[in-house]
C-alpha atoms as a PDB file:
ATOM      1  CA  MET A   1      -0.110  -0.411  -0.177  1.00  0.00           C
ATOM      2  CA  THR A   2       0.920   3.581  -0.607  1.00  0.00           C
ATOM      3  CA  PRO A   3       1.608   5.595   3.039  1.00  0.00           C
ATOM      4  CA  GLY A   4      -0.950   7.467   3.847  1.00  0.00           C
ATOM      5  CA  VAL A   5      -3.259   6.434   1.148  1.00  0.00           C
ATOM      6  CA  LYS A   6      -6.112   4.548   2.395  1.00  0.00           C
ATOM      7  CA  PRO A   7      -7.413   1.918   0.793  1.00  0.00           C
ATOM      8  CA  LEU A   8     -10.668   0.930  -1.305  1.00  0.00           C
ATOM      9  CA  ILE A   9     -12.270  -1.892  -2.096  1.00  0.00           C
ATOM     10  CA  ALA A  10     -14.683  -1.648  -5.369  1.00  0.00           C
ATOM     11  CA  GLY A  11     -16.948  -4.110  -6.265  1.00  0.00           C
ATOM     12  CA  ASN A  12     -18.221  -4.588  -9.597  1.00  0.00           C
ATOM     13  CA  TRP A  13     -21.115  -6.361  -9.915  1.00  0.00           C
ATOM     14  CA  LYS A  14     -20.889  -6.412 -13.665  1.00  0.00           C
ATOM     15  CA  MET A  15     -24.249  -7.647 -15.236  1.00  0.00           C
ATOM     16  CA  HIS A  16     -25.365  -9.883 -12.234  1.00  0.00           C
ATOM     17  CA  GLY A  17     -28.510  -9.715 -10.290  1.00  0.00           C
ATOM     18  CA  THR A  18     -32.542  -8.683 -10.154  1.00  0.00           C
ATOM     19  CA  LEU A  19     -33.519  -5.627  -8.115  1.00  0.00           C
ATOM     20  CA  ALA A  20     -34.285  -7.419  -4.828  1.00  0.00           C
ATOM     21  CA  GLU A  21     -30.839  -9.532  -5.045  1.00  0.00           C
ATOM     22  CA  ALA A  22     -28.920  -5.964  -5.682  1.00  0.00           C
ATOM     23  CA  ALA A  23     -30.828  -4.641  -2.464  1.00  0.00           C
ATOM     24  CA  ALA A  24     -30.651  -7.625  -0.214  1.00  0.00           C
ATOM     25  CA  LEU A  25     -26.394  -7.679  -1.282  1.00  0.00           C
ATOM     26  CA  ALA A  26     -26.015  -4.099  -0.549  1.00  0.00           C
ATOM     27  CA  GLY A  27     -27.492  -4.379   2.742  1.00  0.00           C
ATOM     28  CA  ALA A  28     -25.605  -7.363   3.634  1.00  0.00           C
ATOM     29  CA  VAL A  29     -22.320  -5.163   2.783  1.00  0.00           C
ATOM     30  CA  ARG A  30     -23.512  -1.601   4.570  1.00  0.00           C
ATOM     31  CA  ASP A  31     -24.303  -4.358   8.223  1.00  0.00           C
ATOM     32  CA  GLY A  32     -20.902  -5.509   7.983  1.00  0.00           C
ATOM     33  CA  ALA A  33     -19.105  -2.500   6.784  1.00  0.00           C
ATOM     34  CA  GLY A  34     -18.324  -1.101  10.331  1.00  0.00           C
ATOM     35  CA  GLY A  35     -14.547  -0.803  11.470  1.00  0.00           C
ATOM     36  CA  LEU A  36     -13.491  -1.324   8.337  1.00  0.00           C
ATOM     37  CA  PRO A  37      -9.443   0.017   7.548  1.00  0.00           C
ATOM     38  CA  ALA A  38     -10.618   0.459   3.615  1.00  0.00           C
ATOM     39  CA  ASP A  39     -13.288   1.988   1.906  1.00  0.00           C
ATOM     40  CA  LEU A  40     -15.921   0.419   0.069  1.00  0.00           C
ATOM     41  CA  LEU A  41     -17.664   1.031  -3.344  1.00  0.00           C
ATOM     42  CA  VAL A  42     -20.315  -1.151  -5.036  1.00  0.00           C
ATOM     43  CA  CYS A  43     -20.633  -0.789  -9.065  1.00  0.00           C
ATOM     44  CA  PRO A  44     -24.294  -2.417  -9.905  1.00  0.00           C
ATOM     45  CA  THR A  45     -25.755  -2.342 -13.270  1.00  0.00           C
ATOM     46  CA  PHE A  46     -27.217   1.235 -14.164  1.00  0.00           C
ATOM     47  CA  LEU A  47     -31.075   0.169 -13.375  1.00  0.00           C
ATOM     48  CA  HIS A  48     -30.146  -1.049  -9.922  1.00  0.00           C
ATOM     49  CA  VAL A  49     -27.844   2.273  -9.052  1.00  0.00           C
ATOM     50  CA  ALA A  50     -30.712   3.877  -7.599  1.00  0.00           C
ATOM     51  CA  GLN A  51     -32.276   1.228  -5.194  1.00  0.00           C
ATOM     52  CA  VAL A  52     -28.797   0.553  -4.256  1.00  0.00           C
ATOM     53  CA  ALA A  53     -27.789   4.188  -3.489  1.00  0.00           C
ATOM     54  CA  ALA A  54     -31.257   4.224  -1.540  1.00  0.00           C
ATOM     55  CA  THR A  55     -30.187   0.905   0.585  1.00  0.00           C
ATOM     56  CA  LEU A  56     -26.644   2.499   1.137  1.00  0.00           C
ATOM     57  CA  ALA A  57     -27.845   5.604   1.990  1.00  0.00           C
ATOM     58  CA  GLY A  58     -26.086   7.132   5.091  1.00  0.00           C
ATOM     59  CA  SER A  59     -23.706   4.505   5.230  1.00  0.00           C
ATOM     60  CA  ALA A  60     -19.658   4.233   4.840  1.00  0.00           C
ATOM     61  CA  VAL A  61     -20.165   2.271   1.070  1.00  0.00           C
ATOM     62  CA  ALA A  62     -20.196   4.291  -1.535  1.00  0.00           C
ATOM     63  CA  VAL A  63     -21.579   3.787  -5.020  1.00  0.00           C
ATOM     64  CA  GLY A  64     -20.494   4.055  -8.747  1.00  0.00           C
ATOM     65  CA  GLY A  65     -21.837   3.137 -12.367  1.00  0.00           C
ATOM     66  CA  GLN A  66     -19.918   0.376 -14.587  1.00  0.00           C
ATOM     67  CA  ASP A  67     -19.829   3.254 -17.884  1.00  0.00           C
ATOM     68  CA  CYS A  68     -21.172   6.324 -18.653  1.00  0.00           C
ATOM     69  CA  HIS A  69     -21.059   8.165 -21.942  1.00  0.00           C
ATOM     70  CA  PRO A  70     -18.923  10.858 -23.209  1.00  0.00           C
ATOM     71  CA  ALA A  71     -22.077  13.124 -23.921  1.00  0.00           C
ATOM     72  CA  ALA A  72     -24.282  14.562 -20.868  1.00  0.00           C
ATOM     73  CA  LYS A  73     -27.254  14.242 -22.838  1.00  0.00           C
ATOM     74  CA  GLY A  74     -28.921  13.322 -26.564  1.00  0.00           C
ATOM     75  CA  ALA A  75     -29.769  11.067 -28.892  1.00  0.00           C
ATOM     76  CA  HIS A  76     -27.586   7.969 -27.931  1.00  0.00           C
ATOM     77  CA  THR A  77     -29.785   5.161 -27.206  1.00  0.00           C
ATOM     78  CA  GLY A  78     -29.331   2.345 -24.739  1.00  0.00           C
ATOM     79  CA  ASP A  79     -26.620   4.749 -23.169  1.00  0.00           C
ATOM     80  CA  VAL A  80     -26.655   6.593 -19.747  1.00  0.00           C
ATOM     81  CA  ALA A  81     -25.028  10.029 -19.000  1.00  0.00           C
ATOM     82  CA  ALA A  82     -22.703  11.213 -16.258  1.00  0.00           C
ATOM     83  CA  PRO A  83     -25.499  13.084 -14.719  1.00  0.00           C
ATOM     84  CA  MET A  84     -27.760  10.380 -14.721  1.00  0.00           C
ATOM     85  CA  LEU A  85     -25.633   8.467 -12.332  1.00  0.00           C
ATOM     86  CA  LYS A  86     -24.827  11.275 -10.007  1.00  0.00           C
ATOM     87  CA  ASP A  87     -28.592  12.312  -9.957  1.00  0.00           C
ATOM     88  CA  ALA A  88     -29.352   8.841  -9.335  1.00  0.00           C
ATOM     89  CA  GLY A  89     -27.063   8.497  -6.445  1.00  0.00           C
ATOM     90  CA  ALA A  90     -23.571   7.751  -7.498  1.00  0.00           C
ATOM     91  CA  GLY A  91     -19.950   9.047  -6.733  1.00  0.00           C
ATOM     92  CA  PHE A  92     -17.907   7.247  -8.857  1.00  0.00           C
ATOM     93  CA  VAL A  93     -17.692   5.544 -12.153  1.00  0.00           C
ATOM     94  CA  ILE A  94     -15.336   2.347 -13.431  1.00  0.00           C
ATOM     95  CA  LEU A  95     -14.276   3.454 -17.346  1.00  0.00           C
ATOM     96  CA  GLY A  96     -11.891   1.657 -19.924  1.00  0.00           C
ATOM     97  CA  HIS A  97     -12.703  -1.935 -18.577  1.00  0.00           C
ATOM     98  CA  SER A  98     -11.302  -4.405 -20.165  1.00  0.00           C
ATOM     99  CA  GLU A  99     -14.716  -5.746 -20.962  1.00  0.00           C
ATOM    100  CA  ARG A 100     -15.762  -2.814 -22.241  1.00  0.00           C
ATOM    101  CA  ARG A 101     -12.589  -1.953 -24.354  1.00  0.00           C
ATOM    102  CA  THR A 102     -13.004  -5.537 -26.111  1.00  0.00           C
ATOM    103  CA  ASP A 103     -16.742  -6.156 -26.215  1.00  0.00           C
ATOM    104  CA  HIS A 104     -17.531  -2.327 -27.042  1.00  0.00           C
ATOM    105  CA  ALA A 105     -14.361  -1.621 -28.932  1.00  0.00           C
ATOM    106  CA  GLU A 106     -13.801   1.449 -26.946  1.00  0.00           C
ATOM    107  CA  THR A 107     -10.710   2.992 -27.246  1.00  0.00           C
ATOM    108  CA  ASP A 108      -8.326   4.952 -25.133  1.00  0.00           C
ATOM    109  CA  ALA A 109      -9.590   7.956 -26.919  1.00  0.00           C
ATOM    110  CA  ALA A 110     -13.082   7.439 -25.648  1.00  0.00           C
ATOM    111  CA  VAL A 111     -11.999   6.455 -22.437  1.00  0.00           C
ATOM    112  CA  ARG A 112     -10.449   9.964 -22.097  1.00  0.00           C
ATOM    113  CA  ALA A 113     -13.800  11.606 -23.129  1.00  0.00           C
ATOM    114  CA  LYS A 114     -15.757   9.492 -20.881  1.00  0.00           C
ATOM    115  CA  ALA A 115     -13.104  10.172 -17.986  1.00  0.00           C
ATOM    116  CA  GLU A 116     -13.766  14.180 -18.846  1.00  0.00           C
ATOM    117  CA  ALA A 117     -17.414  13.612 -18.876  1.00  0.00           C
ATOM    118  CA  ALA A 118     -17.713  12.001 -15.249  1.00  0.00           C
ATOM    119  CA  ALA A 119     -15.307  14.599 -13.759  1.00  0.00           C
ATOM    120  CA  ALA A 120     -17.575  17.511 -14.927  1.00  0.00           C
ATOM    121  CA  ALA A 121     -20.368  15.565 -13.355  1.00  0.00           C
ATOM    122  CA  GLY A 122     -18.620  15.643 -10.110  1.00  0.00           C
ATOM    123  CA  LEU A 123     -18.238  11.386 -10.754  1.00  0.00           C
ATOM    124  CA  VAL A 124     -14.875  10.136  -9.595  1.00  0.00           C
ATOM    125  CA  PRO A 125     -13.686   8.120 -12.424  1.00  0.00           C
ATOM    126  CA  ILE A 126     -11.750   4.951 -11.800  1.00  0.00           C
ATOM    127  CA  VAL A 127     -10.259   3.944 -15.270  1.00  0.00           C
ATOM    128  CA  CYS A 128      -9.190   0.459 -15.975  1.00  0.00           C
ATOM    129  CA  VAL A 129      -5.622  -0.386 -17.525  1.00  0.00           C
ATOM    130  CA  GLY A 130      -4.172  -3.646 -18.487  1.00  0.00           C
ATOM    131  CA  GLU A 131      -2.284  -6.033 -20.784  1.00  0.00           C
ATOM    132  CA  THR A 132      -3.951  -9.368 -22.179  1.00  0.00           C
ATOM    133  CA  GLU A 133      -1.900 -12.512 -22.190  1.00  0.00           C
ATOM    134  CA  ALA A 134      -0.493 -12.286 -25.423  1.00  0.00           C
ATOM    135  CA  GLU A 135       1.001  -9.058 -24.705  1.00  0.00           C
ATOM    136  CA  ARG A 136       2.404 -10.277 -21.523  1.00  0.00           C
ATOM    137  CA  LEU A 137       3.924 -13.005 -23.264  1.00  0.00           C
ATOM    138  CA  ALA A 138       5.443 -10.640 -25.839  1.00  0.00           C
ATOM    139  CA  GLY A 139       6.798  -8.336 -23.027  1.00  0.00           C
ATOM    140  CA  ARG A 140       4.794  -5.825 -23.755  1.00  0.00           C
ATOM    141  CA  ALA A 141       2.761  -5.408 -20.635  1.00  0.00           C
ATOM    142  CA  GLU A 142       4.628  -2.024 -19.275  1.00  0.00           C
ATOM    143  CA  ALA A 143       4.364  -0.533 -22.616  1.00  0.00           C
ATOM    144  CA  VAL A 144       0.885  -1.117 -23.488  1.00  0.00           C
ATOM    145  CA  VAL A 145       0.105  -0.043 -19.730  1.00  0.00           C
ATOM    146  CA  GLU A 146       1.857   3.388 -20.308  1.00  0.00           C
ATOM    147  CA  ARG A 147       0.493   3.828 -23.165  1.00  0.00           C
ATOM    148  CA  GLN A 148      -3.105   3.160 -21.890  1.00  0.00           C
ATOM    149  CA  LEU A 149      -2.198   5.818 -19.185  1.00  0.00           C
ATOM    150  CA  ALA A 150      -0.778   8.725 -21.286  1.00  0.00           C
ATOM    151  CA  GLU A 151      -4.001   7.856 -23.730  1.00  0.00           C
ATOM    152  CA  SER A 152      -7.016   7.522 -21.259  1.00  0.00           C
ATOM    153  CA  LEU A 153      -6.288   9.861 -18.704  1.00  0.00           C
ATOM    154  CA  PRO A 154      -7.326  13.569 -19.640  1.00  0.00           C
ATOM    155  CA  ASP A 155      -5.046  16.727 -18.521  1.00  0.00           C
ATOM    156  CA  GLY A 156      -6.039  17.454 -14.656  1.00  0.00           C
ATOM    157  CA  PHE A 157      -6.990  13.938 -14.211  1.00  0.00           C
ATOM    158  CA  ALA A 158      -7.958  13.501 -10.499  1.00  0.00           C
ATOM    159  CA  GLY A 159      -9.616   9.879 -10.342  1.00  0.00           C
ATOM    160  CA  ILE A 160      -8.031   6.114  -9.527  1.00  0.00           C
ATOM    161  CA  ILE A 161      -6.436   3.585 -11.743  1.00  0.00           C
ATOM    162  CA  ALA A 162      -8.039   0.301 -11.578  1.00  0.00           C
ATOM    163  CA  TYR A 163      -4.701  -2.448 -13.157  1.00  0.00           C
ATOM    164  CA  GLU A 164      -6.190  -5.650 -14.493  1.00  0.00           C
ATOM    165  CA  PRO A 165      -4.569  -7.312 -16.180  1.00  0.00           C
ATOM    166  CA  VAL A 166      -6.766  -8.943 -18.451  1.00  0.00           C
ATOM    167  CA  TRP A 167      -6.012 -12.917 -18.384  1.00  0.00           C
ATOM    168  CA  ALA A 168      -6.605 -12.660 -14.913  1.00  0.00           C
ATOM    169  CA  ILE A 169     -10.173 -11.491 -14.927  1.00  0.00           C
ATOM    170  CA  GLY A 170     -12.543 -13.863 -13.674  1.00  0.00           C
ATOM    171  CA  THR A 171      -9.999 -16.834 -14.421  1.00  0.00           C
ATOM    172  CA  GLY A 172      -8.702 -17.379 -11.083  1.00  0.00           C
ATOM    173  CA  ARG A 173      -5.743 -16.911 -11.984  1.00  0.00           C
ATOM    174  CA  THR A 174      -3.001 -14.142 -10.793  1.00  0.00           C
ATOM    175  CA  PRO A 175      -0.011 -12.159 -11.426  1.00  0.00           C
ATOM    176  CA  THR A 176       3.108 -13.176  -9.600  1.00  0.00           C
ATOM    177  CA  GLU A 177       3.215 -10.808  -6.462  1.00  0.00           C
ATOM    178  CA  ALA A 178       6.632  -9.597  -8.291  1.00  0.00           C
ATOM    179  CA  ASP A 179       4.712  -8.890 -11.562  1.00  0.00           C
ATOM    180  CA  ILE A 180       1.913  -6.917  -9.918  1.00  0.00           C
ATOM    181  CA  ALA A 181       3.932  -5.023  -7.800  1.00  0.00           C
ATOM    182  CA  ALA A 182       6.174  -3.773 -11.081  1.00  0.00           C
ATOM    183  CA  ILE A 183       3.333  -3.005 -13.159  1.00  0.00           C
ATOM    184  CA  HIS A 184       1.840  -1.016 -10.260  1.00  0.00           C
ATOM    185  CA  GLY A 185       5.402   0.890  -9.756  1.00  0.00           C
ATOM    186  CA  THR A 186       5.396   1.604 -13.264  1.00  0.00           C
ATOM    187  CA  ILE A 187       1.906   3.097 -13.293  1.00  0.00           C
ATOM    188  CA  ARG A 188       2.886   4.598 -10.082  1.00  0.00           C
ATOM    189  CA  ALA A 189       6.070   6.639 -11.490  1.00  0.00           C
ATOM    190  CA  ARG A 190       3.871   7.428 -14.473  1.00  0.00           C
ATOM    191  CA  LEU A 191       1.258   8.959 -12.737  1.00  0.00           C
ATOM    192  CA  ALA A 192       4.240  10.969 -10.324  1.00  0.00           C
ATOM    193  CA  ALA A 193       5.847  12.482 -13.705  1.00  0.00           C
ATOM    194  CA  ARG A 194       2.778  13.433 -15.232  1.00  0.00           C
ATOM    195  CA  PHE A 195       0.798  14.640 -12.720  1.00  0.00           C
ATOM    196  CA  GLY A 196       3.195  15.279  -9.666  1.00  0.00           C
ATOM    197  CA  ALA A 197       2.429  15.481  -6.154  1.00  0.00           C
ATOM    198  CA  ALA A 198      -1.209  14.262  -7.103  1.00  0.00           C
ATOM    199  CA  GLY A 199       0.217  11.521  -8.857  1.00  0.00           C
ATOM    200  CA  GLN A 200       2.137  10.349  -5.669  1.00  0.00           C
ATOM    201  CA  GLY A 201      -1.001   9.841  -3.636  1.00  0.00           C
ATOM    202  CA  MET A 202      -3.912   9.014  -6.382  1.00  0.00           C
ATOM    203  CA  ARG A 203      -4.944   5.210  -5.525  1.00  0.00           C
ATOM    204  CA  ILE A 204      -4.103   2.449  -7.659  1.00  0.00           C
ATOM    205  CA  LEU A 205      -6.130  -0.538  -7.395  1.00  0.00           C
ATOM    206  CA  TYR A 206      -5.645  -4.088  -8.460  1.00  0.00           C
ATOM    207  CA  GLY A 207      -8.383  -5.859 -10.437  1.00  0.00           C
ATOM    208  CA  GLY A 208      -8.090  -9.557 -11.445  1.00  0.00           C
ATOM    209  CA  SER A 209      -9.231 -12.877  -9.171  1.00  0.00           C
ATOM    210  CA  MET A 210      -8.895 -11.003  -6.186  1.00  0.00           C
ATOM    211  CA  LYS A 211     -10.662 -13.048  -3.621  1.00  0.00           C
ATOM    212  CA  PRO A 212      -9.995 -13.380   0.689  1.00  0.00           C
ATOM    213  CA  GLY A 213      -7.308 -16.063   0.012  1.00  0.00           C
ATOM    214  CA  ASN A 214      -4.665 -13.641  -1.955  1.00  0.00           C
ATOM    215  CA  ALA A 215      -5.933 -10.266  -0.921  1.00  0.00           C
ATOM    216  CA  LYS A 216      -3.594 -10.011   2.086  1.00  0.00           C
ATOM    217  CA  ALA A 217      -0.642 -10.186   0.211  1.00  0.00           C
ATOM    218  CA  ILE A 218      -2.137  -8.556  -2.475  1.00  0.00           C
ATOM    219  CA  LEU A 219      -2.783  -5.715  -0.485  1.00  0.00           C
ATOM    220  CA  ALA A 220       0.649  -5.023   1.313  1.00  0.00           C
ATOM    221  CA  LEU A 221       2.475  -4.467  -1.980  1.00  0.00           C
ATOM    222  CA  PRO A 222       3.831  -1.401  -2.714  1.00  0.00           C
ATOM    223  CA  ASN A 223       1.679   0.947  -4.650  1.00  0.00           C
ATOM    224  CA  VAL A 224      -1.471  -1.776  -4.228  1.00  0.00           C
ATOM    225  CA  ASP A 225      -3.975   0.983  -2.549  1.00  0.00           C
ATOM    226  CA  GLY A 226      -6.932  -1.419  -2.789  1.00  0.00           C
ATOM    227  CA  GLY A 227      -8.832  -3.737  -5.185  1.00  0.00           C
ATOM    228  CA  LEU A 228     -11.295  -3.752  -8.121  1.00  0.00           C
ATOM    229  CA  VAL A 229     -13.226  -7.082  -7.340  1.00  0.00           C
ATOM    230  CA  GLY A 230     -15.505  -8.806 -10.012  1.00  0.00           C
ATOM    231  CA  GLY A 231     -16.639 -12.620  -8.747  1.00  0.00           C
ATOM    232  CA  ALA A 232     -15.947 -12.138  -4.847  1.00  0.00           C
ATOM    233  CA  SER A 233     -17.908  -8.866  -4.486  1.00  0.00           C
ATOM    234  CA  LEU A 234     -20.838 -10.843  -5.206  1.00  0.00           C
ATOM    235  CA  VAL A 235     -20.971 -12.589  -2.081  1.00  0.00           C
ATOM    236  CA  ALA A 236     -21.156  -9.751   0.977  1.00  0.00           C
ATOM    237  CA  GLU A 237     -18.594 -12.222   3.356  1.00  0.00           C
ATOM    238  CA  ASP A 238     -16.409 -12.570   0.617  1.00  0.00           C
ATOM    239  CA  PHE A 239     -16.399  -8.980  -0.316  1.00  0.00           C
ATOM    240  CA  LEU A 240     -15.679  -7.910   3.570  1.00  0.00           C
ATOM    241  CA  ALA A 241     -12.902 -10.312   3.858  1.00  0.00           C
ATOM    242  CA  ILE A 242     -11.014  -8.376   1.567  1.00  0.00           C
ATOM    243  CA  ALA A 243     -11.765  -5.127   2.635  1.00  0.00           C
ATOM    244  CA  ARG A 244     -10.945  -6.281   6.315  1.00  0.00           C
ATOM    245  CA  ALA A 245      -7.298  -7.867   4.585  1.00  0.00           C
ATOM    246  CA  ALA A 246      -6.750  -4.308   4.068  1.00  0.00           C
ATOM    247  CA  ALA A 247      -5.651  -4.325   7.405  1.00  0.00           C
END
């Protein structure tokens, strides 16, 4: 972890759950959130943001969205604008997740535009970066991440970075601790070089099959300031156990 930076454990619920299931999961997280060494954030589907925000109102658990459109409004069928997320009770938004970059062909430029829109709406952007397995095997992991940072982050960026090795998401596989530390060190160096003191204190989350069994070791690594958690965030006790591992 980075000295002086409180860890953040963020749950990406992806495309899971009914309205009732989302409210129940949010309630279970809320009820177990007291006295944790980390901040908590949950990111349900667009349909569930308002209900989850109502469930978590007055608690220590924040709410975020999983994407936003770069425009504040307009003729964009099926999309959701950052001001809409803010109005529904979100304070954060995940941008550039590998599943968006792959499934929807999102470019670094698109992610940058979304990050600008999120900040303008008062949301904290969580920008995801990370390499595919082919890129890692080719020795290009750090170069890919550096390019994504350079091209996905707008000037004056004041959000959060999530490093997610694409090949580790949902597979149960994780990089070695040395590999994670190396990439997080590279990210920190690039953030510090571009944003100065703000970059030195910017949270860098690790995402990629984080679970209760490996969370403590990963969260103890330098420049790992929390986690972007997928599958384990759908089980309240597992999610809370990861947060407790940040002590």
